[in-house]
Amino acid sequence: QVQLMESGGALVQPGGSLKLTCEVSGASLDEYAVGWFRQAPGKEREALLCISASDGRVHYGESAKGRFLIDSDHVKHMAYLYLSNLQPTDTAVYYCAIKQYACGSTTYTSERTYDYWGQGTQVTVSS
């Protein structure tokens, strides 16, 4: 059984940073790409980044460019999302998801292409 669990969400002040972790069980990150999404209150879920399984290539969504980074540790079965210079508009539930092998340059933003999802972790940015 494949399970994903996000952690690391917290309340942070504007300008702060966070590291989110996605722990994957029942699947190998040698075979699955990892994507990070977020959903703010009243808004649709938004793709942030995706890292491919084979070559570690990273695809960035518009909101992630310049401030967010993604990494994965295949041995530990974990993926990480590094958030920096957080602003109140970054307040959202952050999700990780996996799909087989590659992110896909034109599909990494599509939720339907991902096979498994975590339950999400809340990030709140407020002073």
C-alpha atoms as a PDB file:
ATOM      1  CA  GLN A   1       0.000   0.000   0.000  1.00  0.00           C
ATOM      2  CA  VAL A   2       1.395   3.338  -1.060  1.00  0.00           C
ATOM      3  CA  GLN A   3       1.174   6.145   1.460  1.00  0.00           C
ATOM      4  CA  LEU A   4       2.471   9.683   1.496  1.00  0.00           C
ATOM      5  CA  MET A   5       2.720  11.831   4.591  1.00  0.00           C
ATOM      6  CA  GLU A   6       3.619  15.491   4.646  1.00  0.00           C
ATOM      7  CA  SER A   7       5.030  17.245   7.675  1.00  0.00           C
ATOM      8  CA  GLY A   8       6.701  20.485   8.609  1.00  0.00           C
ATOM      9  CA  GLY A   9       3.833  22.890   8.177  1.00  0.00           C
ATOM     10  CA  ALA A  10       3.690  25.695  10.718  1.00  0.00           C
ATOM     11  CA  LEU A  11       2.797  29.273  11.483  1.00  0.00           C
ATOM     12  CA  VAL A  12       5.601  31.558  10.317  1.00  0.00           C
ATOM     13  CA  GLN A  13       6.116  35.282  10.054  1.00  0.00           C
ATOM     14  CA  PRO A  14       6.397  37.035   6.697  1.00  0.00           C
ATOM     15  CA  GLY A  15       9.892  36.650   5.327  1.00  0.00           C
ATOM     16  CA  GLY A  16      10.376  33.352   7.110  1.00  0.00           C
ATOM     17  CA  SER A  17      11.354  29.948   5.776  1.00  0.00           C
ATOM     18  CA  LEU A  18      10.136  26.395   6.154  1.00  0.00           C
ATOM     19  CA  LYS A  19      11.176  22.916   5.136  1.00  0.00           C
ATOM     20  CA  LEU A  20       8.352  20.544   4.318  1.00  0.00           C
ATOM     21  CA  THR A  21       8.911  16.805   4.197  1.00  0.00           C
ATOM     22  CA  CYS A  22       7.052  14.160   2.230  1.00  0.00           C
ATOM     23  CA  GLU A  23       7.618  10.651   3.511  1.00  0.00           C
ATOM     24  CA  VAL A  24       6.781   7.952   0.976  1.00  0.00           C
ATOM     25  CA  SER A  25       6.061   4.348   1.895  1.00  0.00           C
ATOM     26  CA  GLY A  26       5.193   1.477  -0.399  1.00  0.00           C
ATOM     27  CA  ALA A  27       6.820   3.038  -3.447  1.00  0.00           C
ATOM     28  CA  SER A  28      10.354   3.756  -4.571  1.00  0.00           C
ATOM     29  CA  LEU A  29      11.447   7.241  -5.523  1.00  0.00           C
ATOM     30  CA  ASP A  30      13.695   5.536  -8.064  1.00  0.00           C
ATOM     31  CA  GLU A  31      10.462   4.927  -9.993  1.00  0.00           C
ATOM     32  CA  TYR A  32       8.238   7.839  -9.030  1.00  0.00           C
ATOM     33  CA  ALA A  33       8.502  11.553  -9.599  1.00  0.00           C
ATOM     34  CA  VAL A  34       7.425  13.793  -6.737  1.00  0.00           C
ATOM     35  CA  GLY A  35       5.312  16.867  -7.125  1.00  0.00           C
ATOM     36  CA  TRP A  36       4.362  19.515  -4.616  1.00  0.00           C
ATOM     37  CA  PHE A  37       1.071  21.389  -4.791  1.00  0.00           C
ATOM     38  CA  ARG A  38      -0.761  23.820  -2.567  1.00  0.00           C
ATOM     39  CA  GLN A  39      -4.327  24.922  -2.074  1.00  0.00           C
ATOM     40  CA  ALA A  40      -5.205  28.228  -0.509  1.00  0.00           C
ATOM     41  CA  PRO A  41      -8.650  28.858   1.013  1.00  0.00           C
ATOM     42  CA  GLY A  42     -11.224  29.377  -1.707  1.00  0.00           C
ATOM     43  CA  LYS A  43      -8.766  28.651  -4.499  1.00  0.00           C
ATOM     44  CA  GLU A  44      -7.954  25.750  -6.762  1.00  0.00           C
ATOM     45  CA  ARG A  45      -5.019  23.504  -6.071  1.00  0.00           C
ATOM     46  CA  GLU A  46      -1.843  24.876  -7.642  1.00  0.00           C
ATOM     47  CA  ALA A  47       1.233  23.010  -8.873  1.00  0.00           C
ATOM     48  CA  LEU A  48       4.504  24.239  -7.406  1.00  0.00           C
ATOM     49  CA  LEU A  49       7.378  21.958  -8.402  1.00  0.00           C
ATOM     50  CA  CYS A  50       8.085  18.449  -9.556  1.00  0.00           C
ATOM     51  CA  ILE A  51      11.290  16.413  -9.485  1.00  0.00           C
ATOM     52  CA  SER A  52      11.674  13.480 -11.851  1.00  0.00           C
ATOM     53  CA  ALA A  53      12.750  10.059 -10.646  1.00  0.00           C
ATOM     54  CA  SER A  54      15.453   9.181 -13.148  1.00  0.00           C
ATOM     55  CA  ASP A  55      17.470  12.327 -13.675  1.00  0.00           C
ATOM     56  CA  GLY A  56      16.323  14.632 -10.886  1.00  0.00           C
ATOM     57  CA  ARG A  57      15.144  17.220 -13.368  1.00  0.00           C
ATOM     58  CA  VAL A  58      13.015  19.872 -11.703  1.00  0.00           C
ATOM     59  CA  HIS A  59      10.038  21.658 -13.181  1.00  0.00           C
ATOM     60  CA  TYR A  60       8.903  24.894 -11.573  1.00  0.00           C
ATOM     61  CA  GLY A  61       5.455  26.377 -11.395  1.00  0.00           C
ATOM     62  CA  GLU A  62       5.216  30.145 -11.602  1.00  0.00           C
ATOM     63  CA  SER A  63       4.641  30.648  -7.873  1.00  0.00           C
ATOM     64  CA  ALA A  64       7.709  28.604  -6.982  1.00  0.00           C
ATOM     65  CA  LYS A  65      10.298  30.296  -9.150  1.00  0.00           C
ATOM     66  CA  GLY A  66      12.969  32.081  -7.173  1.00  0.00           C
ATOM     67  CA  ARG A  67      11.702  31.155  -3.709  1.00  0.00           C
ATOM     68  CA  PHE A  68      10.966  27.432  -3.482  1.00  0.00           C
ATOM     69  CA  LEU A  69      13.233  24.454  -3.988  1.00  0.00           C
ATOM     70  CA  ILE A  70      12.619  20.724  -4.168  1.00  0.00           C
ATOM     71  CA  ASP A  71      14.865  17.816  -3.351  1.00  0.00           C
ATOM     72  CA  SER A  72      14.533  14.100  -2.755  1.00  0.00           C
ATOM     73  CA  ASP A  73      16.426  11.394  -0.909  1.00  0.00           C
ATOM     74  CA  HIS A  74      15.755   8.051  -2.560  1.00  0.00           C
ATOM     75  CA  VAL A  75      17.443   6.096   0.220  1.00  0.00           C
ATOM     76  CA  LYS A  76      15.286   7.650   2.919  1.00  0.00           C
ATOM     77  CA  HIS A  77      12.161   7.623   0.707  1.00  0.00           C
ATOM     78  CA  MET A  78      11.635  11.302   1.355  1.00  0.00           C
ATOM     79  CA  ALA A  79      11.142  14.448  -0.648  1.00  0.00           C
ATOM     80  CA  TYR A  80      11.540  17.964   0.576  1.00  0.00           C
ATOM     81  CA  LEU A  81      10.096  21.343  -0.261  1.00  0.00           C
ATOM     82  CA  TYR A  82      12.089  24.349   0.843  1.00  0.00           C
ATOM     83  CA  LEU A  83      10.065  27.530   1.170  1.00  0.00           C
ATOM     84  CA  SER A  84      11.752  30.900   1.608  1.00  0.00           C
ATOM     85  CA  ASN A  85      10.711  34.536   1.892  1.00  0.00           C
ATOM     86  CA  LEU A  86       7.206  33.409   2.741  1.00  0.00           C
ATOM     87  CA  GLN A  87       4.367  35.874   2.403  1.00  0.00           C
ATOM     88  CA  PRO A  88       0.759  35.811   3.620  1.00  0.00           C
ATOM     89  CA  THR A  89      -0.303  34.841   0.104  1.00  0.00           C
ATOM     90  CA  ASP A  90       1.627  31.583   0.593  1.00  0.00           C
ATOM     91  CA  THR A  91      -0.818  30.500   3.272  1.00  0.00           C
ATOM     92  CA  ALA A  92      -2.232  27.192   2.087  1.00  0.00           C
ATOM     93  CA  VAL A  93      -2.348  23.467   2.600  1.00  0.00           C
ATOM     94  CA  TYR A  94       0.692  21.962   0.916  1.00  0.00           C
ATOM     95  CA  TYR A  95       0.472  18.513  -0.664  1.00  0.00           C
ATOM     96  CA  CYS A  96       2.946  16.078  -2.115  1.00  0.00           C
ATOM     97  CA  ALA A  97       2.040  13.591  -4.812  1.00  0.00           C
ATOM     98  CA  ILE A  98       3.847  10.988  -6.875  1.00  0.00           C
ATOM     99  CA  LYS A  99       3.598   9.802 -10.475  1.00  0.00           C
ATOM    100  CA  GLN A 100       5.589   7.183 -12.324  1.00  0.00           C
ATOM    101  CA  TYR A 101       9.060   8.119 -13.533  1.00  0.00           C
ATOM    102  CA  ALA A 102       9.016  11.591 -15.053  1.00  0.00           C
ATOM    103  CA  CYS A 103       7.218  14.803 -14.232  1.00  0.00           C
ATOM    104  CA  GLY A 104       6.465  15.546 -17.855  1.00  0.00           C
ATOM    105  CA  SER A 105       7.245  19.020 -19.121  1.00  0.00           C
ATOM    106  CA  THR A 106       3.631  19.600 -20.126  1.00  0.00           C
ATOM    107  CA  THR A 107       1.855  17.437 -17.548  1.00  0.00           C
ATOM    108  CA  TYR A 108       3.606  18.082 -14.245  1.00  0.00           C
ATOM    109  CA  THR A 109       0.992  20.679 -13.352  1.00  0.00           C
ATOM    110  CA  SER A 110      -1.925  18.323 -13.968  1.00  0.00           C
ATOM    111  CA  GLU A 111      -3.283  16.747 -10.796  1.00  0.00           C
ATOM    112  CA  ARG A 112      -4.861  13.932 -12.762  1.00  0.00           C
ATOM    113  CA  THR A 113      -1.470  12.599 -13.839  1.00  0.00           C
ATOM    114  CA  TYR A 114      -0.416  11.864 -10.262  1.00  0.00           C
ATOM    115  CA  ASP A 115      -1.120   8.446  -8.804  1.00  0.00           C
ATOM    116  CA  TYR A 116      -0.921   8.985  -5.059  1.00  0.00           C
ATOM    117  CA  TRP A 117      -1.412  11.946  -2.733  1.00  0.00           C
ATOM    118  CA  GLY A 118      -0.703  12.852   0.845  1.00  0.00           C
ATOM    119  CA  GLN A 119      -3.185  14.478   3.203  1.00  0.00           C
ATOM    120  CA  GLY A 120      -1.434  17.828   3.261  1.00  0.00           C
ATOM    121  CA  THR A 121       0.261  20.046   5.811  1.00  0.00           C
ATOM    122  CA  GLN A 122      -0.887  23.546   6.744  1.00  0.00           C
ATOM    123  CA  VAL A 123       1.397  26.519   6.228  1.00  0.00           C
ATOM    124  CA  THR A 124       0.218  29.818   7.645  1.00  0.00           C
ATOM    125  CA  VAL A 125       2.134  33.020   7.092  1.00  0.00           C
ATOM    126  CA  SER A 126       1.111  35.810   9.405  1.00  0.00           C
ATOM    127  CA  SER A 127       2.587  38.414  11.691  1.00  0.00           C
END
